[in-house]
Amino acid sequence: MKARSAFSVKVCEAKVMIIPIRCMTCGKPVGHLWETYQKEVKKGRNAQKVLDELGLERYCCRALFLTHRDLIKTVGQFKK
């Protein structure tokens, strides 16, 4: 039986990113919204409006998206 992880690892265009599947505070599923959020913000749209459109109304979920940074490449450089 596979152990479930609190993080989702997605491979997208040779980039690896780790985003929590659920909000760590309220438990709302948010992992599936990350790619949409990233695409819209990179287009130059206001992050507040994007979060509103995605249905992220709680402060905890919004903070998760606004403060998340993809550090997998940085962390991957270090050996155990």
PDB file of N, CA and C in Angstrom:
ATOM      1  N   MET A   1       0.839  -1.163   0.000  1.00  0.00           N
ATOM      2  CA  MET A   1       0.000   0.000   0.000  1.00  0.00           C
ATOM      3  C   MET A   1       0.891   1.236   0.000  1.00  0.00           C
ATOM      4  N   LYS A   2       0.605   2.173  -0.890  1.00  0.00           N
ATOM      5  CA  LYS A   2       1.404   3.387  -0.988  1.00  0.00           C
ATOM      6  C   LYS A   2       1.056   4.355   0.127  1.00  0.00           C
ATOM      7  N   ALA A   3       2.075   4.993   0.647  1.00  0.00           N
ATOM      8  CA  ALA A   3       1.846   6.032   1.657  1.00  0.00           C
ATOM      9  C   ALA A   3       1.425   7.311   0.944  1.00  0.00           C
ATOM     10  N   ARG A   4       0.458   8.009   1.504  1.00  0.00           N
ATOM     11  CA  ARG A   4      -0.001   9.255   0.898  1.00  0.00           C
ATOM     12  C   ARG A   4       0.874  10.401   1.370  1.00  0.00           C
ATOM     13  N   SER A   5       1.157  11.286   0.462  1.00  0.00           N
ATOM     14  CA  SER A   5       1.988  12.439   0.776  1.00  0.00           C
ATOM     15  C   SER A   5       1.118  13.681   0.861  1.00  0.00           C
ATOM     16  N   ALA A   6       1.566  14.648   1.633  1.00  0.00           N
ATOM     17  CA  ALA A   6       0.841  15.918   1.756  1.00  0.00           C
ATOM     18  C   ALA A   6       1.171  16.835   0.591  1.00  0.00           C
ATOM     19  N   PHE A   7       2.063  16.404  -0.281  1.00  0.00           N
ATOM     20  CA  PHE A   7       2.481  17.247  -1.384  1.00  0.00           C
ATOM     21  C   PHE A   7       2.245  16.549  -2.708  1.00  0.00           C
ATOM     22  N   SER A   8       1.984  17.344  -3.721  1.00  0.00           N
ATOM     23  CA  SER A   8       1.784  16.842  -5.061  1.00  0.00           C
ATOM     24  C   SER A   8       3.004  17.203  -5.891  1.00  0.00           C
ATOM     25  N   VAL A   9       3.590  16.245  -6.552  1.00  0.00           N
ATOM     26  CA  VAL A   9       4.729  16.523  -7.421  1.00  0.00           C
ATOM     27  C   VAL A   9       4.226  16.433  -8.850  1.00  0.00           C
ATOM     28  N   LYS A  10       4.365  17.526  -9.574  1.00  0.00           N
ATOM     29  CA  LYS A  10       3.908  17.571 -10.953  1.00  0.00           C
ATOM     30  C   LYS A  10       5.091  17.857 -11.856  1.00  0.00           C
ATOM     31  N   VAL A  11       5.158  17.161 -12.985  1.00  0.00           N
ATOM     32  CA  VAL A  11       6.198  17.421 -13.960  1.00  0.00           C
ATOM     33  C   VAL A  11       5.531  18.139 -15.120  1.00  0.00           C
ATOM     34  N   CYS A  12       5.996  19.354 -15.378  1.00  0.00           N
ATOM     35  CA  CYS A  12       5.381  20.179 -16.409  1.00  0.00           C
ATOM     36  C   CYS A  12       6.477  20.878 -17.196  1.00  0.00           C
ATOM     37  N   GLU A  13       6.658  20.508 -18.453  1.00  0.00           N
ATOM     38  CA  GLU A  13       7.647  21.126 -19.317  1.00  0.00           C
ATOM     39  C   GLU A  13       9.039  21.106 -18.680  1.00  0.00           C
ATOM     40  N   ALA A  14       9.461  19.954 -18.199  1.00  0.00           N
ATOM     41  CA  ALA A  14      10.778  19.749 -17.601  1.00  0.00           C
ATOM     42  C   ALA A  14      10.980  20.539 -16.310  1.00  0.00           C
ATOM     43  N   LYS A  15       9.917  21.028 -15.718  1.00  0.00           N
ATOM     44  CA  LYS A  15      10.015  21.714 -14.438  1.00  0.00           C
ATOM     45  C   LYS A  15       9.323  20.843 -13.403  1.00  0.00           C
ATOM     46  N   VAL A  16       9.925  20.712 -12.258  1.00  0.00           N
ATOM     47  CA  VAL A  16       9.322  19.945 -11.186  1.00  0.00           C
ATOM     48  C   VAL A  16       8.922  20.927 -10.100  1.00  0.00           C
ATOM     49  N   MET A  17       7.668  20.822  -9.646  1.00  0.00           N
ATOM     50  CA  MET A  17       7.210  21.721  -8.601  1.00  0.00           C
ATOM     51  C   MET A  17       6.479  20.943  -7.524  1.00  0.00           C
ATOM     52  N   ILE A  18       6.579  21.413  -6.314  1.00  0.00           N
ATOM     53  CA  ILE A  18       5.901  20.776  -5.196  1.00  0.00           C
ATOM     54  C   ILE A  18       4.945  21.801  -4.598  1.00  0.00           C
ATOM     55  N   ILE A  19       3.682  21.475  -4.560  1.00  0.00           N
ATOM     56  CA  ILE A  19       2.653  22.345  -3.980  1.00  0.00           C
ATOM     57  C   ILE A  19       1.782  21.461  -3.093  1.00  0.00           C
ATOM     58  N   PRO A  20       1.421  21.921  -1.924  1.00  0.00           N
ATOM     59  CA  PRO A  20       0.536  21.113  -1.076  1.00  0.00           C
ATOM     60  C   PRO A  20      -0.789  20.810  -1.788  1.00  0.00           C
ATOM     61  N   ILE A  21      -1.275  19.595  -1.666  1.00  0.00           N
ATOM     62  CA  ILE A  21      -2.538  19.215  -2.286  1.00  0.00           C
ATOM     63  C   ILE A  21      -3.686  19.917  -1.585  1.00  0.00           C
ATOM     64  N   ARG A  22      -3.605  20.021  -0.276  1.00  0.00           N
ATOM     65  CA  ARG A  22      -4.649  20.677   0.519  1.00  0.00           C
ATOM     66  C   ARG A  22      -4.038  21.827   1.316  1.00  0.00           C
ATOM     67  N   CYS A  23      -4.881  22.804   1.620  1.00  0.00           N
ATOM     68  CA  CYS A  23      -4.463  23.892   2.496  1.00  0.00           C
ATOM     69  C   CYS A  23      -4.128  23.272   3.850  1.00  0.00           C
ATOM     70  N   MET A  24      -3.007  23.656   4.405  1.00  0.00           N
ATOM     71  CA  MET A  24      -2.560  23.052   5.658  1.00  0.00           C
ATOM     72  C   MET A  24      -3.377  23.524   6.857  1.00  0.00           C
ATOM     73  N   THR A  25      -4.111  24.599   6.712  1.00  0.00           N
ATOM     74  CA  THR A  25      -4.899  25.123   7.823  1.00  0.00           C
ATOM     75  C   THR A  25      -6.337  24.619   7.796  1.00  0.00           C
ATOM     76  N   CYS A  26      -7.022  24.802   6.655  1.00  0.00           N
ATOM     77  CA  CYS A  26      -8.446  24.460   6.601  1.00  0.00           C
ATOM     78  C   CYS A  26      -8.727  23.134   5.894  1.00  0.00           C
ATOM     79  N   GLY A  27      -7.778  22.608   5.135  1.00  0.00           N
ATOM     80  CA  GLY A  27      -7.958  21.322   4.483  1.00  0.00           C
ATOM     81  C   GLY A  27      -8.615  21.373   3.119  1.00  0.00           C
ATOM     82  N   LYS A  28      -8.848  22.555   2.572  1.00  0.00           N
ATOM     83  CA  LYS A  28      -9.486  22.681   1.256  1.00  0.00           C
ATOM     84  C   LYS A  28      -8.509  22.211   0.171  1.00  0.00           C
ATOM     85  N   PRO A  29      -8.968  21.408  -0.788  1.00  0.00           N
ATOM     86  CA  PRO A  29      -8.097  20.990  -1.895  1.00  0.00           C
ATOM     87  C   PRO A  29      -7.716  22.192  -2.766  1.00  0.00           C
ATOM     88  N   VAL A  30      -6.409  22.453  -2.906  1.00  0.00           N
ATOM     89  CA  VAL A  30      -5.955  23.602  -3.677  1.00  0.00           C
ATOM     90  C   VAL A  30      -4.874  23.249  -4.700  1.00  0.00           C
ATOM     91  N   GLY A  31      -4.323  22.056  -4.651  1.00  0.00           N
ATOM     92  CA  GLY A  31      -3.221  21.670  -5.526  1.00  0.00           C
ATOM     93  C   GLY A  31      -3.531  21.760  -7.002  1.00  0.00           C
ATOM     94  N   HIS A  32      -4.764  21.480  -7.371  1.00  0.00           N
ATOM     95  CA  HIS A  32      -5.143  21.492  -8.782  1.00  0.00           C
ATOM     96  C   HIS A  32      -5.259  22.907  -9.347  1.00  0.00           C
ATOM     97  N   LEU A  33      -5.244  23.928  -8.507  1.00  0.00           N
ATOM     98  CA  LEU A  33      -5.380  25.317  -8.950  1.00  0.00           C
ATOM     99  C   LEU A  33      -4.036  26.006  -9.179  1.00  0.00           C
ATOM    100  N   TRP A  34      -2.955  25.386  -8.773  1.00  0.00           N
ATOM    101  CA  TRP A  34      -1.647  26.032  -8.814  1.00  0.00           C
ATOM    102  C   TRP A  34      -1.208  26.414 -10.220  1.00  0.00           C
ATOM    103  N   GLU A  35      -1.320  25.497 -11.176  1.00  0.00           N
ATOM    104  CA  GLU A  35      -0.861  25.776 -12.538  1.00  0.00           C
ATOM    105  C   GLU A  35      -1.657  26.915 -13.170  1.00  0.00           C
ATOM    106  N   THR A  36      -2.960  26.934 -12.939  1.00  0.00           N
ATOM    107  CA  THR A  36      -3.794  28.011 -13.470  1.00  0.00           C
ATOM    108  C   THR A  36      -3.373  29.344 -12.868  1.00  0.00           C
ATOM    109  N   TYR A  37      -3.143  29.367 -11.579  1.00  0.00           N
ATOM    110  CA  TYR A  37      -2.706  30.579 -10.894  1.00  0.00           C
ATOM    111  C   TYR A  37      -1.381  31.074 -11.473  1.00  0.00           C
ATOM    112  N   GLN A  38      -0.416  30.176 -11.631  1.00  0.00           N
ATOM    113  CA  GLN A  38       0.888  30.547 -12.169  1.00  0.00           C
ATOM    114  C   GLN A  38       0.784  31.137 -13.570  1.00  0.00           C
ATOM    115  N   LYS A  39      -0.002  30.506 -14.432  1.00  0.00           N
ATOM    116  CA  LYS A  39      -0.146  30.983 -15.808  1.00  0.00           C
ATOM    117  C   LYS A  39      -0.750  32.380 -15.852  1.00  0.00           C
ATOM    118  N   GLU A  40      -1.788  32.601 -15.064  1.00  0.00           N
ATOM    119  CA  GLU A  40      -2.466  33.898 -15.075  1.00  0.00           C
ATOM    120  C   GLU A  40      -1.586  35.010 -14.507  1.00  0.00           C
ATOM    121  N   VAL A  41      -0.842  34.724 -13.460  1.00  0.00           N
ATOM    122  CA  VAL A  41       0.036  35.741 -12.859  1.00  0.00           C
ATOM    123  C   VAL A  41       1.193  36.064 -13.808  1.00  0.00           C
ATOM    124  N   LYS A  42       1.707  35.055 -14.504  1.00  0.00           N
ATOM    125  CA  LYS A  42       2.790  35.299 -15.466  1.00  0.00           C
ATOM    126  C   LYS A  42       2.321  36.140 -16.644  1.00  0.00           C
ATOM    127  N   LYS A  43       1.029  36.083 -16.948  1.00  0.00           N
ATOM    128  CA  LYS A  43       0.474  36.914 -18.023  1.00  0.00           C
ATOM    129  C   LYS A  43       0.374  38.376 -17.601  1.00  0.00           C
ATOM    130  N   GLY A  44       0.551  38.642 -16.299  1.00  0.00           N
ATOM    131  CA  GLY A  44       0.505  40.000 -15.810  1.00  0.00           C
ATOM    132  C   GLY A  44      -0.786  40.379 -15.113  1.00  0.00           C
ATOM    133  N   ARG A  45      -1.651  39.394 -14.871  1.00  0.00           N
ATOM    134  CA  ARG A  45      -2.911  39.675 -14.189  1.00  0.00           C
ATOM    135  C   ARG A  45      -2.680  39.874 -12.702  1.00  0.00           C
ATOM    136  N   ASN A  46      -3.564  40.610 -12.090  1.00  0.00           N
ATOM    137  CA  ASN A  46      -3.505  40.889 -10.652  1.00  0.00           C
ATOM    138  C   ASN A  46      -3.756  39.595  -9.875  1.00  0.00           C
ATOM    139  N   ALA A  47      -2.864  39.283  -8.937  1.00  0.00           N
ATOM    140  CA  ALA A  47      -2.972  38.043  -8.162  1.00  0.00           C
ATOM    141  C   ALA A  47      -4.270  37.997  -7.368  1.00  0.00           C
ATOM    142  N   GLN A  48      -4.717  39.130  -6.860  1.00  0.00           N
ATOM    143  CA  GLN A  48      -5.954  39.167  -6.080  1.00  0.00           C
ATOM    144  C   GLN A  48      -7.149  38.744  -6.920  1.00  0.00           C
ATOM    145  N   LYS A  49      -7.226  39.235  -8.130  1.00  0.00           N
ATOM    146  CA  LYS A  49      -8.348  38.882  -9.004  1.00  0.00           C
ATOM    147  C   LYS A  49      -8.296  37.421  -9.422  1.00  0.00           C
ATOM    148  N   VAL A  50      -7.093  36.918  -9.655  1.00  0.00           N
ATOM    149  CA  VAL A  50      -6.939  35.503 -10.032  1.00  0.00           C
ATOM    150  C   VAL A  50      -7.393  34.607  -8.889  1.00  0.00           C
ATOM    151  N   LEU A  51      -6.985  34.926  -7.662  1.00  0.00           N
ATOM    152  CA  LEU A  51      -7.394  34.128  -6.504  1.00  0.00           C
ATOM    153  C   LEU A  51      -8.908  34.175  -6.311  1.00  0.00           C
ATOM    154  N   ASP A  52      -9.510  35.340  -6.537  1.00  0.00           N
ATOM    155  CA  ASP A  52     -10.967  35.458  -6.437  1.00  0.00           C
ATOM    156  C   ASP A  52     -11.663  34.569  -7.467  1.00  0.00           C
ATOM    157  N   GLU A  53     -11.163  34.582  -8.701  1.00  0.00           N
ATOM    158  CA  GLU A  53     -11.765  33.771  -9.767  1.00  0.00           C
ATOM    159  C   GLU A  53     -11.607  32.276  -9.517  1.00  0.00           C
ATOM    160  N   LEU A  54     -10.519  31.896  -8.875  1.00  0.00           N
ATOM    161  CA  LEU A  54     -10.288  30.481  -8.572  1.00  0.00           C
ATOM    162  C   LEU A  54     -11.105  30.007  -7.375  1.00  0.00           C
ATOM    163  N   GLY A  55     -11.737  30.930  -6.679  1.00  0.00           N
ATOM    164  CA  GLY A  55     -12.586  30.561  -5.547  1.00  0.00           C
ATOM    165  C   GLY A  55     -11.839  30.442  -4.231  1.00  0.00           C
ATOM    166  N   LEU A  56     -10.649  31.011  -4.163  1.00  0.00           N
ATOM    167  CA  LEU A  56      -9.879  30.976  -2.920  1.00  0.00           C
ATOM    168  C   LEU A  56     -10.229  32.217  -2.110  1.00  0.00           C
ATOM    169  N   GLU A  57     -11.139  32.041  -1.161  1.00  0.00           N
ATOM    170  CA  GLU A  57     -11.642  33.171  -0.382  1.00  0.00           C
ATOM    171  C   GLU A  57     -11.022  33.256   1.002  1.00  0.00           C
ATOM    172  N   ARG A  58     -10.616  32.130   1.551  1.00  0.00           N
ATOM    173  CA  ARG A  58     -10.057  32.120   2.908  1.00  0.00           C
ATOM    174  C   ARG A  58      -8.625  32.648   2.894  1.00  0.00           C
ATOM    175  N   TYR A  59      -8.274  33.334   3.966  1.00  0.00           N
ATOM    176  CA  TYR A  59      -6.942  33.904   4.068  1.00  0.00           C
ATOM    177  C   TYR A  59      -5.849  32.848   4.060  1.00  0.00           C
ATOM    178  N   CYS A  60      -6.135  31.710   4.664  1.00  0.00           N
ATOM    179  CA  CYS A  60      -5.111  30.664   4.746  1.00  0.00           C
ATOM    180  C   CYS A  60      -4.769  30.116   3.357  1.00  0.00           C
ATOM    181  N   CYS A  61      -5.783  29.905   2.527  1.00  0.00           N
ATOM    182  CA  CYS A  61      -5.552  29.386   1.172  1.00  0.00           C
ATOM    183  C   CYS A  61      -4.846  30.431   0.310  1.00  0.00           C
ATOM    184  N   ARG A  62      -5.254  31.678   0.446  1.00  0.00           N
ATOM    185  CA  ARG A  62      -4.638  32.754  -0.323  1.00  0.00           C
ATOM    186  C   ARG A  62      -3.172  32.914   0.062  1.00  0.00           C
ATOM    187  N   ALA A  63      -2.886  32.834   1.357  1.00  0.00           N
ATOM    188  CA  ALA A  63      -1.508  32.963   1.826  1.00  0.00           C
ATOM    189  C   ALA A  63      -0.635  31.830   1.291  1.00  0.00           C
ATOM    190  N   LEU A  64      -1.196  30.635   1.190  1.00  0.00           N
ATOM    191  CA  LEU A  64      -0.465  29.493   0.658  1.00  0.00           C
ATOM    192  C   LEU A  64       0.006  29.777  -0.766  1.00  0.00           C
ATOM    193  N   PHE A  65      -0.874  30.337  -1.595  1.00  0.00           N
ATOM    194  CA  PHE A  65      -0.533  30.626  -2.983  1.00  0.00           C
ATOM    195  C   PHE A  65       0.412  31.826  -3.093  1.00  0.00           C
ATOM    196  N   LEU A  66       0.175  32.851  -2.303  1.00  0.00           N
ATOM    197  CA  LEU A  66       0.990  34.060  -2.408  1.00  0.00           C
ATOM    198  C   LEU A  66       2.410  33.872  -1.878  1.00  0.00           C
ATOM    199  N   THR A  67       2.603  32.958  -0.948  1.00  0.00           N
ATOM    200  CA  THR A  67       3.916  32.785  -0.337  1.00  0.00           C
ATOM    201  C   THR A  67       4.682  31.572  -0.836  1.00  0.00           C
ATOM    202  N   HIS A  68       4.073  30.713  -1.645  1.00  0.00           N
ATOM    203  CA  HIS A  68       4.742  29.503  -2.116  1.00  0.00           C
ATOM    204  C   HIS A  68       5.820  29.845  -3.141  1.00  0.00           C
ATOM    205  N   ARG A  69       6.987  29.234  -2.994  1.00  0.00           N
ATOM    206  CA  ARG A  69       8.079  29.386  -3.947  1.00  0.00           C
ATOM    207  C   ARG A  69       8.575  27.999  -4.329  1.00  0.00           C
ATOM    208  N   ASP A  70       8.828  27.812  -5.606  1.00  0.00           N
ATOM    209  CA  ASP A  70       9.348  26.531  -6.076  1.00  0.00           C
ATOM    210  C   ASP A  70      10.844  26.465  -5.788  1.00  0.00           C
ATOM    211  N   LEU A  71      11.209  25.657  -4.821  1.00  0.00           N
ATOM    212  CA  LEU A  71      12.601  25.542  -4.408  1.00  0.00           C
ATOM    213  C   LEU A  71      13.181  24.163  -4.690  1.00  0.00           C
ATOM    214  N   ILE A  72      12.488  23.350  -5.460  1.00  0.00           N
ATOM    215  CA  ILE A  72      12.927  21.982  -5.665  1.00  0.00           C
ATOM    216  C   ILE A  72      14.298  21.919  -6.335  1.00  0.00           C
ATOM    217  N   LYS A  73      14.589  22.836  -7.260  1.00  0.00           N
ATOM    218  CA  LYS A  73      15.893  22.837  -7.917  1.00  0.00           C
ATOM    219  C   LYS A  73      16.991  23.225  -6.942  1.00  0.00           C
ATOM    220  N   THR A  74      16.724  24.183  -6.087  1.00  0.00           N
ATOM    221  CA  THR A  74      17.703  24.629  -5.096  1.00  0.00           C
ATOM    222  C   THR A  74      17.986  23.527  -4.084  1.00  0.00           C
ATOM    223  N   VAL A  75      16.934  22.917  -3.570  1.00  0.00           N
ATOM    224  CA  VAL A  75      17.088  21.867  -2.574  1.00  0.00           C
ATOM    225  C   VAL A  75      17.714  20.629  -3.190  1.00  0.00           C
ATOM    226  N   GLY A  76      17.418  20.365  -4.437  1.00  0.00           N
ATOM    227  CA  GLY A  76      17.956  19.185  -5.111  1.00  0.00           C
ATOM    228  C   GLY A  76      19.464  19.218  -5.313  1.00  0.00           C
ATOM    229  N   GLN A  77      20.086  20.372  -5.169  1.00  0.00           N
ATOM    230  CA  GLN A  77      21.528  20.485  -5.340  1.00  0.00           C
ATOM    231  C   GLN A  77      22.290  19.908  -4.158  1.00  0.00           C
ATOM    232  N   PHE A  78      21.663  19.809  -3.019  1.00  0.00           N
ATOM    233  CA  PHE A  78      22.328  19.349  -1.801  1.00  0.00           C
ATOM    234  C   PHE A  78      22.142  17.850  -1.621  1.00  0.00           C
ATOM    235  N   LYS A  79      23.182  17.200  -1.217  1.00  0.00           N
ATOM    236  CA  LYS A  79      23.114  15.764  -0.975  1.00  0.00           C
ATOM    237  C   LYS A  79      22.712  15.515   0.456  1.00  0.00           C
ATOM    238  N   LYS A  80      22.216  14.309   0.703  1.00  0.00           N
ATOM    239  CA  LYS A  80      21.808  13.936   2.079  1.00  0.00           C
ATOM    240  C   LYS A  80      23.008  13.788   2.963  1.00  0.00           C
TER     241      LYS A  80
END
